[in-house]
Amino acid sequence: MTVLYDDRGLKLDNTKEFLEKYENIGVLFSSGADSTFLIYWLARCIDELNLYDTHTILPIHAIDVSWPIDTVEYVRPILEMIRGFFPKVTIFDQYNLPFESTTTPDFPTPKTVYYRPVRDRLEEGFCDITITGSTSAPLFEDIFLGYITVHRTPEIKKNQIHEGLFITVDKKFLAYQYRKFDLMDNLYPLTKSCQWRGYSRKPCTGCFWCQEKYWAFGSYDGGVK
């Protein structure tokens, strides 16, 4: 089964075609709910389609060295759990990409600024493609989430291949999949979406990423209500 649905009528049927085209897949992996489910979903489909001998997944984790907390500690338990679900699938250890942001009260320097040259280099010899787990802004509700609402619309992103598989669905669609695949009590609590997670081990509950996660899942990082 490589097709996903939710209870609002959304459908995602692009994964099989994607895997027919690309074998060695790099995933920009933040440890958030979207990129975590992307790695889980790719591994699940590789497993179900018996593509063990041809397909690999390389998580690429950008580390803001200006933060006091090493976010790699959030990444490893997630990858270990997904490997446990699909032991035959090759999921490499994360490729760590250090960068230093110029942080502002509203938004830190996007790590994609540092990611693009690394993406290009990886695609020259190791990965067939590198993608993000980005989802769309909310599709059926009039909710303003700042940067997310402005920049993550399907009209802007749908033809940008590096945006990945999920840009035509929103985070509530993925929340439905976490529940469908019984991931709410094991994988979901490990995910970290808060914009300021590098400064605190607790979600700030106020940034747009926290608000989006609460809108979709009904809780913040770690299942905090």
Protein backbone atom coordinates (compact mmCIF):
# COMPACT_ATOMS: atom_id res chain seq x y z
CA MET A 1 0.00 0.00 0.00
CA THR A 2 1.69 3.19 -1.19
CA VAL A 3 -1.37 5.47 -1.22
CA LEU A 4 -2.43 7.60 1.75
CA TYR A 5 -5.86 9.09 2.54
CA ASP A 6 -7.31 11.09 5.37
CA ASP A 7 -10.83 11.68 6.68
CA ARG A 8 -11.15 15.04 4.88
CA GLY A 9 -10.87 13.64 1.36
CA LEU A 10 -7.17 14.29 0.77
CA LYS A 11 -5.20 11.65 -1.14
CA LEU A 12 -1.47 11.15 -1.66
CA ASP A 13 -0.54 8.69 -4.41
CA ASN A 14 2.88 9.87 -5.60
CA THR A 15 5.19 7.58 -3.61
CA LYS A 16 5.34 4.54 -5.90
CA GLU A 17 6.12 6.70 -8.92
CA PHE A 18 8.76 8.55 -6.89
CA LEU A 19 10.47 5.30 -5.87
CA GLU A 20 10.42 4.07 -9.45
CA LYS A 21 12.39 7.16 -10.44
CA TYR A 22 14.77 7.58 -7.48
CA GLU A 23 16.69 4.96 -5.50
CA ASN A 24 19.22 6.70 -3.25
CA ILE A 25 17.18 9.34 -1.44
CA GLY A 26 18.49 12.11 0.79
CA VAL A 27 16.01 13.55 3.28
CA LEU A 28 16.52 16.90 4.98
CA PHE A 29 15.71 15.65 8.46
CA SER A 30 14.97 18.15 11.23
CA SER A 31 13.48 15.63 13.69
CA GLY A 32 10.12 17.37 13.23
CA ALA A 33 6.89 15.45 12.68
CA ASP A 34 6.90 15.97 8.89
CA SER A 35 10.43 14.82 8.06
CA THR A 36 10.17 12.01 10.61
CA PHE A 37 7.06 10.65 8.94
CA LEU A 38 8.69 11.07 5.52
CA ILE A 39 11.54 8.75 6.53
CA TYR A 40 9.06 6.33 8.12
CA TRP A 41 6.86 6.38 5.01
CA LEU A 42 9.73 5.91 2.55
CA ALA A 43 11.05 3.01 4.64
CA ARG A 44 7.60 1.45 4.87
CA CYS A 45 7.07 1.64 1.10
CA ILE A 46 10.58 0.34 0.33
CA ASP A 47 9.78 -2.55 2.68
CA GLU A 48 6.36 -3.30 1.16
CA LEU A 49 7.68 -3.09 -2.41
CA ASN A 50 10.71 -5.30 -1.59
CA LEU A 51 13.20 -2.68 -2.78
CA TYR A 52 15.85 -3.53 -0.17
CA ASP A 53 18.60 -4.24 -2.72
CA THR A 54 18.25 -1.01 -4.64
CA HIS A 55 16.96 1.78 -2.38
CA THR A 56 18.58 3.68 0.47
CA ILE A 57 17.69 6.63 2.70
CA LEU A 58 20.22 9.23 3.87
CA PRO A 59 18.95 11.59 6.62
CA ILE A 60 20.63 15.01 6.43
CA HIS A 61 20.49 16.91 9.72
CA ALA A 62 21.37 20.60 9.89
CA ILE A 63 22.93 21.56 13.23
CA ASP A 64 22.86 25.20 14.32
CA VAL A 65 26.16 25.48 16.20
CA SER A 66 25.03 28.73 17.82
CA TRP A 67 22.46 26.78 19.88
CA PRO A 68 23.48 25.45 23.31
CA ILE A 69 21.67 22.12 22.84
CA ASP A 70 22.99 19.55 20.36
CA THR A 71 19.93 18.61 18.33
CA VAL A 72 21.59 15.38 17.16
CA GLU A 73 20.32 13.88 20.41
CA TYR A 74 16.79 14.27 19.04
CA VAL A 75 17.63 12.58 15.76
CA ARG A 76 19.19 9.28 16.79
CA PRO A 77 16.27 7.78 18.77
CA ILE A 78 13.94 8.49 15.84
CA LEU A 79 16.19 6.74 13.33
CA GLU A 80 16.74 3.82 15.70
CA MET A 81 13.00 3.34 16.08
CA ILE A 82 12.31 3.48 12.34
CA ARG A 83 15.13 1.00 11.70
CA GLY A 84 13.50 -1.28 14.26
CA PHE A 85 10.22 -1.12 12.34
CA PHE A 86 11.91 -1.91 9.01
CA PRO A 87 15.20 -3.73 9.70
CA LYS A 88 15.76 -4.75 6.07
CA VAL A 89 15.69 -1.16 4.79
CA THR A 90 19.01 0.69 4.57
CA ILE A 91 18.75 3.94 6.55
CA PHE A 92 22.20 5.46 6.90
CA ASP A 93 23.37 7.38 9.95
CA GLN A 94 22.54 11.04 9.54
CA TYR A 95 24.82 13.32 7.57
CA ASN A 96 25.35 16.22 9.98
CA LEU A 97 25.47 19.68 8.42
CA PRO A 98 26.82 22.35 10.85
CA PHE A 99 25.76 25.95 10.31
CA GLU A 100 25.44 29.13 12.35
CA SER A 101 22.26 31.15 12.09
CA THR A 102 21.74 34.85 12.58
CA THR A 103 18.82 34.52 14.96
CA THR A 104 16.10 37.16 15.16
CA PRO A 105 13.02 37.26 17.39
CA ASP A 106 10.86 36.35 14.41
CA PHE A 107 12.81 33.80 12.40
CA PRO A 108 16.35 32.41 12.39
CA THR A 109 18.40 32.23 9.21
CA PRO A 110 16.87 29.36 7.20
CA LYS A 111 19.11 26.31 7.30
CA THR A 112 18.21 25.73 3.65
CA VAL A 113 20.69 28.50 2.81
CA TYR A 114 23.42 26.13 4.00
CA TYR A 115 21.67 23.01 2.78
CA ARG A 116 21.54 23.86 -0.93
CA PRO A 117 25.29 23.54 -1.70
CA VAL A 118 25.44 20.31 0.30
CA ARG A 119 22.40 19.02 -1.58
CA ASP A 120 24.09 19.77 -4.88
CA ARG A 121 27.28 18.03 -3.79
CA LEU A 122 25.46 14.92 -2.55
CA GLU A 123 23.47 14.67 -5.75
CA GLU A 124 26.65 14.68 -7.77
CA GLY A 125 27.78 11.36 -6.36
CA PHE A 126 25.76 9.83 -3.54
CA CYS A 127 22.04 10.68 -3.74
CA ASP A 128 19.77 10.59 -6.75
CA ILE A 129 17.71 13.34 -5.13
CA THR A 130 17.42 15.14 -1.79
CA ILE A 131 13.99 16.18 -0.53
CA THR A 132 12.33 17.86 2.42
CA GLY A 133 9.33 16.70 4.42
CA SER A 134 7.59 20.06 4.09
CA THR A 135 3.82 20.05 4.23
CA SER A 136 1.45 22.71 2.97
CA ALA A 137 -0.09 25.42 5.10
CA PRO A 138 -3.54 24.42 6.45
CA LEU A 139 -5.75 23.59 3.48
CA PHE A 140 -9.30 23.63 4.82
CA GLU A 141 -9.18 26.12 7.68
CA ASP A 142 -8.59 29.86 7.83
CA ILE A 143 -5.76 29.81 10.35
CA PHE A 144 -2.81 32.18 10.12
CA LEU A 145 0.58 30.65 10.90
CA GLY A 146 2.88 33.42 9.74
CA TYR A 147 5.79 32.14 7.65
CA ILE A 148 4.09 28.77 7.24
CA THR A 149 0.91 30.28 5.82
CA VAL A 150 2.74 32.70 3.52
CA HIS A 151 5.41 30.39 2.11
CA ARG A 152 3.95 26.88 2.20
CA THR A 153 1.09 26.99 -0.28
CA PRO A 154 0.76 24.20 -2.87
CA GLU A 155 0.63 26.77 -5.66
CA ILE A 156 4.10 28.00 -4.73
CA LYS A 157 5.70 24.66 -3.92
CA LYS A 158 4.03 21.91 -5.97
CA ASN A 159 6.44 22.14 -8.94
CA GLN A 160 9.57 22.35 -6.79
CA ILE A 161 10.72 18.75 -6.71
CA HIS A 162 13.02 19.15 -3.70
CA GLU A 163 10.02 20.02 -1.55
CA GLY A 164 9.26 16.30 -1.49
CA LEU A 165 6.11 14.20 -1.34
CA PHE A 166 3.96 16.08 1.18
CA ILE A 167 3.73 19.65 -0.09
CA THR A 168 0.18 19.14 -1.43
CA VAL A 169 -1.10 17.95 1.97
CA ASP A 170 -0.99 19.70 5.35
CA LYS A 171 0.26 18.62 8.76
CA LYS A 172 -3.21 17.52 9.84
CA PHE A 173 -3.06 14.96 7.01
CA LEU A 174 0.14 13.56 8.53
CA ALA A 175 -1.38 13.60 12.02
CA TYR A 176 -4.08 11.31 10.64
CA GLN A 177 -1.36 8.95 9.37
CA TYR A 178 0.43 8.91 12.74
CA ARG A 179 -2.83 7.71 14.29
CA LYS A 180 -3.61 5.28 11.48
CA PHE A 181 -0.23 3.56 11.77
CA ASP A 182 -0.27 3.58 15.61
CA LEU A 183 2.68 5.96 15.91
CA MET A 184 1.24 8.40 18.46
CA ASP A 185 2.60 6.62 21.53
CA ASN A 186 6.05 5.70 20.20
CA LEU A 187 7.36 7.73 17.25
CA TYR A 188 5.39 10.97 17.64
CA PRO A 189 6.65 11.85 21.18
CA LEU A 190 10.23 11.77 19.84
CA THR A 191 9.59 14.46 17.24
CA LYS A 192 10.65 18.07 17.83
CA SER A 193 9.00 20.89 15.89
CA CYS A 194 9.52 23.98 18.07
CA GLN A 195 11.50 26.68 16.29
CA TRP A 196 13.54 27.26 19.46
CA ARG A 197 14.20 23.63 20.41
CA GLY A 198 17.94 24.27 20.24
CA TYR A 199 17.60 26.63 23.21
CA SER A 200 15.24 24.65 25.42
CA ARG A 201 14.20 21.07 25.95
CA LYS A 202 10.59 22.22 26.33
CA PRO A 203 8.37 23.56 23.52
CA CYS A 204 7.90 27.32 23.64
CA THR A 205 4.21 26.85 22.60
CA GLY A 206 4.25 30.29 20.95
CA CYS A 207 6.18 29.98 17.68
CA PHE A 208 4.38 29.21 14.44
CA TRP A 209 5.84 25.69 14.37
CA CYS A 210 4.44 24.94 17.83
CA GLN A 211 1.07 26.41 16.84
CA GLU A 212 0.96 24.33 13.66
CA LYS A 213 1.78 21.14 15.56
CA TYR A 214 -0.90 21.82 18.15
CA TRP A 215 -3.42 22.57 15.39
CA ALA A 216 -2.67 19.25 13.70
CA PHE A 217 -2.01 16.91 16.64
CA GLY A 218 -3.65 18.57 19.62
CA SER A 219 -0.32 18.68 21.48
CA TYR A 220 3.15 20.21 21.36
CA ASP A 221 6.54 18.48 21.32
CA GLY A 222 6.68 15.49 23.63
CA GLY A 223 2.89 15.32 23.74
CA VAL A 224 2.68 18.45 25.91
CA LYS A 225 -0.92 19.74 25.98
